[in-house]
């Protein structure tokens, strides 16, 4: 009987560097698959259907919800996102490791349905750095940046729900921590580290 694959759930506020870290991780780990979520939003420049997301209309998405095809789905900024159960089941049954890049709402649903999934949260080193990274993108309006910063507070408030928490102070260090988790050596990134409580108070303004 072949070994079952592992499911990794990775979440972060917008601007924390999650996507860049995952791209670097997967370059060195070709056996790891990225699960492209379904979404009702329009493709951004450079995005490809089936690679970045499966772009479907709202009616098609709602039909998949009705048939319980999603292991998780959420409404994010007015757009629907979801991960198809059939895609995850097939990958894990084949022994492939699979990454789900989703938000805290989706992670909670996966935790309830697939508690064996390894859950990882990525935090920025400070609120100021998070805002600076969002502005550096140069793709969002002032209103969009303000909205993302406001949404980040809710997103970051759920960091304690995850198994591992990586603080992205510098890219190489964060990538090493992520690789260690995938290698089963993630003790240094466990969520119960005392320093995370102080960082959380700064990030959340509490």
Protein backbone atom coordinates (compact mmCIF):
# COMPACT_ATOMS: atom_id res chain seq x y z
CA UNK A 1 0.00 0.00 0.00
CA UNK A 2 1.48 3.37 -1.00
CA UNK A 3 2.18 6.03 1.61
CA UNK A 4 -0.56 8.65 1.91
CA UNK A 5 0.46 12.23 1.17
CA UNK A 6 0.44 15.10 3.63
CA UNK A 7 -1.80 18.15 3.46
CA UNK A 8 -0.27 21.51 4.43
CA UNK A 9 -2.54 24.49 5.08
CA UNK A 10 -0.76 27.86 4.88
CA UNK A 11 -2.40 31.18 5.74
CA UNK A 12 -1.22 34.76 6.26
CA UNK A 13 -2.44 38.33 6.02
CA UNK A 14 -2.01 39.98 2.63
CA UNK A 15 1.54 41.36 2.41
CA UNK A 16 3.20 38.89 4.80
CA UNK A 17 5.13 37.23 1.96
CA UNK A 18 3.29 33.93 1.86
CA UNK A 19 3.15 33.56 -1.94
CA UNK A 20 6.86 34.29 -2.46
CA UNK A 21 7.83 31.83 0.26
CA UNK A 22 5.69 29.09 -1.25
CA UNK A 23 7.09 29.68 -4.73
CA UNK A 24 10.64 29.35 -3.39
CA UNK A 25 9.75 26.25 -1.37
CA UNK A 26 8.23 24.48 -4.34
CA UNK A 27 11.21 25.21 -6.59
CA UNK A 28 13.31 22.98 -4.35
CA UNK A 29 10.53 20.44 -3.79
CA UNK A 30 9.08 19.41 -7.16
CA UNK A 31 7.18 16.54 -5.53
CA UNK A 32 5.01 18.99 -3.59
CA UNK A 33 1.85 20.10 -5.41
CA UNK A 34 0.06 23.42 -5.12
CA UNK A 35 -3.70 23.09 -4.98
CA UNK A 36 -5.22 25.74 -7.22
CA UNK A 37 -8.39 26.99 -5.55
CA UNK A 38 -11.59 27.80 -7.39
CA UNK A 39 -12.55 31.47 -7.38
CA UNK A 40 -15.22 33.72 -8.82
CA UNK A 41 -12.90 36.72 -9.11
CA UNK A 42 -11.43 37.80 -12.44
CA UNK A 43 -7.87 36.74 -13.35
CA UNK A 44 -5.12 39.26 -12.62
CA UNK A 45 -2.43 40.00 -15.22
CA UNK A 46 -0.17 36.98 -15.61
CA UNK A 47 -2.50 34.52 -13.88
CA UNK A 48 -3.40 31.32 -15.71
CA UNK A 49 -6.56 29.29 -15.30
CA UNK A 50 -5.71 25.91 -13.78
CA UNK A 51 -2.29 27.02 -12.58
CA UNK A 52 -3.00 29.93 -10.24
CA UNK A 53 -6.74 29.40 -9.79
CA UNK A 54 -9.66 27.71 -11.44
CA UNK A 55 -11.74 30.72 -12.51
CA UNK A 56 -15.45 29.89 -12.52
CA UNK A 57 -18.65 31.93 -12.43
CA UNK A 58 -20.72 32.42 -9.30
CA UNK A 59 -23.48 30.07 -10.47
CA UNK A 60 -21.01 27.23 -11.06
CA UNK A 61 -19.38 27.85 -7.69
CA UNK A 62 -22.72 27.74 -5.86
CA UNK A 63 -23.59 24.43 -7.55
CA UNK A 64 -20.36 22.93 -6.19
CA UNK A 65 -21.26 24.19 -2.70
CA UNK A 66 -24.68 22.54 -3.00
CA UNK A 67 -23.10 19.16 -3.83
CA UNK A 68 -20.63 19.44 -0.89
CA UNK A 69 -17.69 19.38 -3.29
CA UNK A 70 -15.61 21.88 -1.30
CA UNK A 71 -13.62 20.95 1.80
CA UNK A 72 -13.50 24.68 2.45
CA UNK A 73 -14.90 27.82 0.88
CA UNK A 74 -15.08 31.47 1.86
CA UNK A 75 -16.19 34.90 0.75
CA UNK A 76 -13.14 37.19 0.60
CA UNK A 77 -13.66 40.84 -0.39
CA UNK A 78 -16.87 39.85 -2.19
CA UNK A 79 -15.32 37.00 -4.19
CA UNK A 80 -15.83 33.30 -3.50
CA UNK A 81 -12.87 30.94 -3.03
CA UNK A 82 -12.90 27.19 -2.41
CA UNK A 83 -10.87 23.96 -2.50
CA UNK A 84 -12.38 20.96 -4.24
CA UNK A 85 -12.58 17.80 -2.15
CA UNK A 86 -11.95 15.56 -5.18
CA UNK A 87 -8.63 17.28 -5.95
CA UNK A 88 -7.35 16.90 -2.39
CA UNK A 89 -8.50 13.29 -2.02
CA UNK A 90 -6.87 12.27 -5.30
CA UNK A 91 -3.52 13.89 -4.48
CA UNK A 92 -3.26 12.44 -0.98
CA UNK A 93 -4.33 8.97 -2.15
CA UNK A 94 -1.53 9.06 -4.74
CA UNK A 95 0.98 9.82 -1.99
CA UNK A 96 1.56 13.41 -3.08
CA UNK A 97 2.07 16.23 -0.59
CA UNK A 98 -0.34 19.08 -1.21
CA UNK A 99 -0.32 22.75 -0.20
CA UNK A 100 -3.50 24.74 0.37
CA UNK A 101 -2.91 28.52 0.35
CA UNK A 102 -6.10 29.77 2.01
CA UNK A 103 -7.36 32.22 4.63
CA UNK A 104 -8.22 31.60 8.29
CA UNK A 105 -11.86 30.84 7.47
CA UNK A 106 -10.86 28.08 5.07
CA UNK A 107 -8.22 26.77 7.46
CA UNK A 108 -10.86 26.40 10.17
CA UNK A 109 -13.07 24.35 7.87
CA UNK A 110 -10.17 22.11 6.83
CA UNK A 111 -9.22 21.65 10.50
CA UNK A 112 -12.73 20.36 11.21
CA UNK A 113 -12.84 18.01 8.21
CA UNK A 114 -9.17 16.95 7.97
CA UNK A 115 -7.64 17.38 11.45
CA UNK A 116 -4.44 15.59 10.37
CA UNK A 117 -3.54 18.52 8.08
CA UNK A 118 -0.42 20.48 9.11
CA UNK A 119 -1.44 24.11 9.61
CA UNK A 120 1.07 26.96 9.23
CA UNK A 121 0.54 30.71 9.73
CA UNK A 122 2.92 33.42 8.51
CA UNK A 123 3.15 36.74 10.37
CA UNK A 124 4.93 39.98 9.40
CA UNK A 125 7.55 41.30 11.86
CA UNK A 126 5.55 44.48 12.54
CA UNK A 127 2.47 46.38 11.46
CA UNK A 128 4.61 49.05 9.85
CA UNK A 129 6.45 46.48 7.76
CA UNK A 130 3.18 44.93 6.64
CA UNK A 131 1.94 48.30 5.39
CA UNK A 132 5.28 48.98 3.67
CA UNK A 133 5.10 45.65 1.82
CA UNK A 134 1.55 46.34 0.67
CA UNK A 135 2.58 49.74 -0.66
CA UNK A 136 5.65 48.31 -2.38
CA UNK A 137 3.41 46.20 -4.59
CA UNK A 138 2.19 49.35 -6.31
CA UNK A 139 -0.97 47.61 -7.47
CA UNK A 140 -3.51 48.69 -4.85
CA UNK A 141 -5.29 51.99 -4.31
CA UNK A 142 -5.16 53.78 -0.97
CA UNK A 143 -8.65 52.49 -0.20
CA UNK A 144 -7.60 48.92 -1.03
CA UNK A 145 -4.50 49.19 1.18
CA UNK A 146 -6.57 50.52 4.07
CA UNK A 147 -9.08 47.70 3.62
CA UNK A 148 -6.34 45.06 3.52
CA UNK A 149 -4.73 46.45 6.67
CA UNK A 150 -8.07 46.39 8.45
CA UNK A 151 -8.73 42.84 7.27
CA UNK A 152 -5.23 41.79 8.38
CA UNK A 153 -6.13 42.44 12.01
CA UNK A 154 -8.92 39.86 11.85
CA UNK A 155 -6.71 37.44 9.91
CA UNK A 156 -3.77 37.75 12.33
CA UNK A 157 -5.99 37.37 15.40
CA UNK A 158 -6.37 33.68 14.49
CA UNK A 159 -2.65 32.77 14.57
CA UNK A 160 -3.11 30.69 17.72
CA UNK A 161 -5.35 28.26 15.81
CA UNK A 162 -2.41 27.01 13.74
CA UNK A 163 0.21 24.36 14.57
CA UNK A 164 3.18 26.46 13.46
CA UNK A 165 3.78 30.21 13.21
CA UNK A 166 6.59 31.69 11.09
CA UNK A 167 7.56 35.35 11.50
CA UNK A 168 8.79 36.61 8.13
CA UNK A 169 11.50 39.02 9.35
CA UNK A 170 13.80 38.10 6.50
CA UNK A 171 13.04 35.91 3.51
CA UNK A 172 15.85 33.35 3.88
CA UNK A 173 15.16 32.78 7.56
CA UNK A 174 11.44 32.36 6.97
CA UNK A 175 12.07 29.96 4.09
CA UNK A 176 14.42 27.86 6.25
CA UNK A 177 11.75 27.67 8.95
CA UNK A 178 9.16 26.60 6.38
CA UNK A 179 11.45 23.93 4.95
CA UNK A 180 12.13 22.61 8.45
CA UNK A 181 8.40 22.12 9.02
CA UNK A 182 8.08 20.18 5.76
CA UNK A 183 11.04 18.03 6.85
CA UNK A 184 9.39 17.25 10.20
CA UNK A 185 11.82 19.50 12.12
CA UNK A 186 9.48 22.37 12.92
CA UNK A 187 9.81 22.47 16.72
CA UNK A 188 11.32 25.98 16.63
CA UNK A 189 8.22 27.29 14.87
CA UNK A 190 5.58 25.87 17.22
CA UNK A 191 2.79 28.31 18.04
CA UNK A 192 3.41 28.21 21.82
CA UNK A 193 6.61 30.33 21.69
CA UNK A 194 6.39 33.10 24.37
CA UNK A 195 7.68 35.83 22.03
CA UNK A 196 4.66 35.45 19.77
CA UNK A 197 2.34 36.89 22.42
CA UNK A 198 4.26 40.20 22.53
CA UNK A 199 4.41 40.37 18.73
CA UNK A 200 0.68 39.66 18.55
CA UNK A 201 -0.12 42.59 20.84
CA UNK A 202 1.87 44.94 18.57
CA UNK A 203 0.33 43.61 15.37
CA UNK A 204 -3.22 43.68 16.67
CA UNK A 205 -2.93 46.92 18.66
CA UNK A 206 -4.07 45.28 21.89
